[in-house]
């Protein structure tokens, strides 16, 4: 009997952890769709732009273009997974890096999301706010 109770508790805790990690369905739906954005680097000689399609199943496709002095210098197509945990949005590109990118997010109306990169200082465990950008819904 004790073993059966133990397995039931493990199963319930796994289900609860999975539900909490994913965010509410209504919240996740706000991220789904095709989005575009751009980022001008501080030296103004480089600009990046992208079109990203996020699906409800937690996958994405990203077409990323870099420009040097307004001339297209590279195009990358990446795929991966995305998810939300609490106030953080995560994005992990398939085959890239060991860790997912982590962002704070803020909805600006129904068609814009502001993302701010978040990382943690490995020595002090202090949160570091990185660059920010805005995604705009295309569809």
Protein backbone atom coordinates (compact mmCIF):
# COMPACT_ATOMS: atom_id res chain seq x y z
CA UNK A 1 0.00 0.00 0.00
CA UNK A 2 2.76 2.44 0.89
CA UNK A 3 4.51 1.79 -2.43
CA UNK A 4 1.31 2.53 -4.36
CA UNK A 5 0.84 5.82 -2.47
CA UNK A 6 4.47 6.73 -3.13
CA UNK A 7 4.12 6.23 -6.90
CA UNK A 8 0.85 8.18 -6.94
CA UNK A 9 2.52 11.11 -5.17
CA UNK A 10 5.44 11.07 -7.64
CA UNK A 11 3.04 11.04 -10.60
CA UNK A 12 1.01 13.94 -9.20
CA UNK A 13 4.10 16.02 -8.45
CA UNK A 14 5.39 15.49 -12.00
CA UNK A 15 2.06 16.54 -13.48
CA UNK A 16 1.92 19.65 -11.28
CA UNK A 17 5.51 20.62 -12.09
CA UNK A 18 4.85 20.27 -15.81
CA UNK A 19 1.69 22.39 -15.62
CA UNK A 20 3.40 25.16 -13.66
CA UNK A 21 6.45 25.24 -15.90
CA UNK A 22 4.39 25.79 -19.02
CA UNK A 23 2.36 28.81 -17.98
CA UNK A 24 -1.39 29.09 -18.54
CA UNK A 25 -2.81 28.23 -21.94
CA UNK A 26 -4.21 31.76 -22.36
CA UNK A 27 -0.79 33.25 -21.56
CA UNK A 28 1.02 30.93 -23.99
CA UNK A 29 -1.45 31.69 -26.81
CA UNK A 30 -0.35 35.34 -26.70
CA UNK A 31 3.12 34.28 -27.94
CA UNK A 32 1.86 32.08 -30.80
CA UNK A 33 2.03 33.48 -34.34
CA UNK A 34 4.49 35.13 -36.70
CA UNK A 35 6.55 37.99 -35.31
CA UNK A 36 9.15 40.38 -36.66
CA UNK A 37 11.73 42.56 -35.00
CA UNK A 38 15.04 44.32 -35.40
CA UNK A 39 17.95 45.36 -33.25
CA UNK A 40 20.48 48.11 -34.06
CA UNK A 41 23.81 47.54 -32.35
CA UNK A 42 25.33 50.39 -30.36
CA UNK A 43 27.99 51.13 -32.98
CA UNK A 44 25.21 51.63 -35.60
CA UNK A 45 27.21 49.80 -38.26
CA UNK A 46 25.33 46.54 -37.69
CA UNK A 47 21.61 45.83 -37.64
CA UNK A 48 19.84 42.51 -37.17
CA UNK A 49 16.30 41.67 -38.21
CA UNK A 50 14.21 38.54 -37.92
CA UNK A 51 10.93 36.83 -38.59
CA UNK A 52 9.97 34.18 -36.07
CA UNK A 53 7.03 31.81 -36.11
CA UNK A 54 6.10 30.38 -32.70
CA UNK A 55 3.70 27.43 -32.68
CA UNK A 56 1.35 26.33 -29.90
CA UNK A 57 3.29 23.07 -29.53
CA UNK A 58 6.28 25.03 -28.16
CA UNK A 59 8.41 24.99 -31.31
CA UNK A 60 9.65 27.91 -33.40
CA UNK A 61 11.34 28.73 -36.68
CA UNK A 62 13.53 31.83 -36.88
CA UNK A 63 14.88 33.52 -40.02
CA UNK A 64 17.63 35.88 -38.81
CA UNK A 65 19.39 38.42 -41.04
CA UNK A 66 22.43 40.54 -40.19
CA UNK A 67 23.33 43.73 -42.03
CA UNK A 68 26.70 45.52 -42.04
CA UNK A 69 26.42 49.15 -43.12
CA UNK A 70 22.94 48.40 -44.56
CA UNK A 71 24.25 45.51 -46.71
CA UNK A 72 22.98 41.99 -45.98
CA UNK A 73 25.95 40.06 -44.59
CA UNK A 74 24.34 36.80 -43.41
CA UNK A 75 21.09 34.89 -43.15
CA UNK A 76 20.46 32.06 -40.68
CA UNK A 77 17.46 29.79 -40.32
CA UNK A 78 17.12 28.25 -36.87
CA UNK A 79 14.54 26.05 -35.20
CA UNK A 80 14.02 25.18 -31.57
CA UNK A 81 11.69 25.26 -28.62
CA UNK A 82 10.17 28.01 -26.49
CA UNK A 83 8.34 28.07 -23.17
CA UNK A 84 7.29 30.33 -20.30
CA UNK A 85 8.07 29.83 -16.62
CA UNK A 86 6.59 32.47 -14.35
CA UNK A 87 7.73 35.90 -15.57
CA UNK A 88 10.42 34.49 -17.85
CA UNK A 89 10.31 33.51 -21.52
CA UNK A 90 12.83 30.87 -22.66
CA UNK A 91 14.09 30.04 -26.13
CA UNK A 92 16.41 27.13 -26.99
CA UNK A 93 17.75 26.78 -30.50
CA UNK A 94 18.25 23.19 -31.66
CA UNK A 95 21.91 22.26 -31.72
CA UNK A 96 23.03 25.65 -30.35
CA UNK A 97 24.45 26.37 -26.91
CA UNK A 98 23.85 24.25 -23.86
CA UNK A 99 21.49 26.71 -22.23
CA UNK A 100 18.30 28.38 -23.32
CA UNK A 101 18.18 32.15 -23.70
CA UNK A 102 16.17 33.73 -20.88
CA UNK A 103 14.12 36.93 -21.15
CA UNK A 104 11.80 39.07 -19.08
CA UNK A 105 8.79 39.95 -21.22
CA UNK A 106 6.14 42.64 -21.27
CA UNK A 107 3.12 42.76 -23.56
CA UNK A 108 2.58 46.13 -25.22
CA UNK A 109 -0.98 45.91 -26.43
CA UNK A 110 -2.09 42.83 -28.37
CA UNK A 111 0.58 42.93 -31.08
CA UNK A 112 3.90 43.78 -29.43
CA UNK A 113 6.11 42.08 -26.85
CA UNK A 114 9.16 43.70 -25.27
CA UNK A 115 11.88 41.21 -24.35
CA UNK A 116 14.86 41.96 -22.09
CA UNK A 117 17.65 39.41 -21.95
CA UNK A 118 18.42 38.11 -18.46
CA UNK A 119 21.55 36.27 -17.42
CA UNK A 120 23.07 35.39 -14.06
CA UNK A 121 26.57 36.31 -12.94
CA UNK A 122 28.15 32.94 -12.15
CA UNK A 123 30.29 34.36 -9.32
CA UNK A 124 27.70 36.48 -7.50
CA UNK A 125 24.41 34.92 -8.73
CA UNK A 126 23.30 38.49 -9.49
CA UNK A 127 20.76 38.96 -12.30
CA UNK A 128 22.14 40.94 -15.22
CA UNK A 129 19.75 42.72 -17.58
CA UNK A 130 21.04 42.67 -21.15
CA UNK A 131 19.77 44.11 -24.39
CA UNK A 132 16.08 44.70 -25.14
CA UNK A 133 14.06 44.38 -28.32
CA UNK A 134 10.43 44.39 -29.41
CA UNK A 135 8.67 41.71 -31.45
CA UNK A 136 5.69 42.88 -33.53
CA UNK A 137 2.98 40.46 -34.65
CA UNK A 138 2.66 40.01 -38.43
CA UNK A 139 -0.55 37.99 -38.54
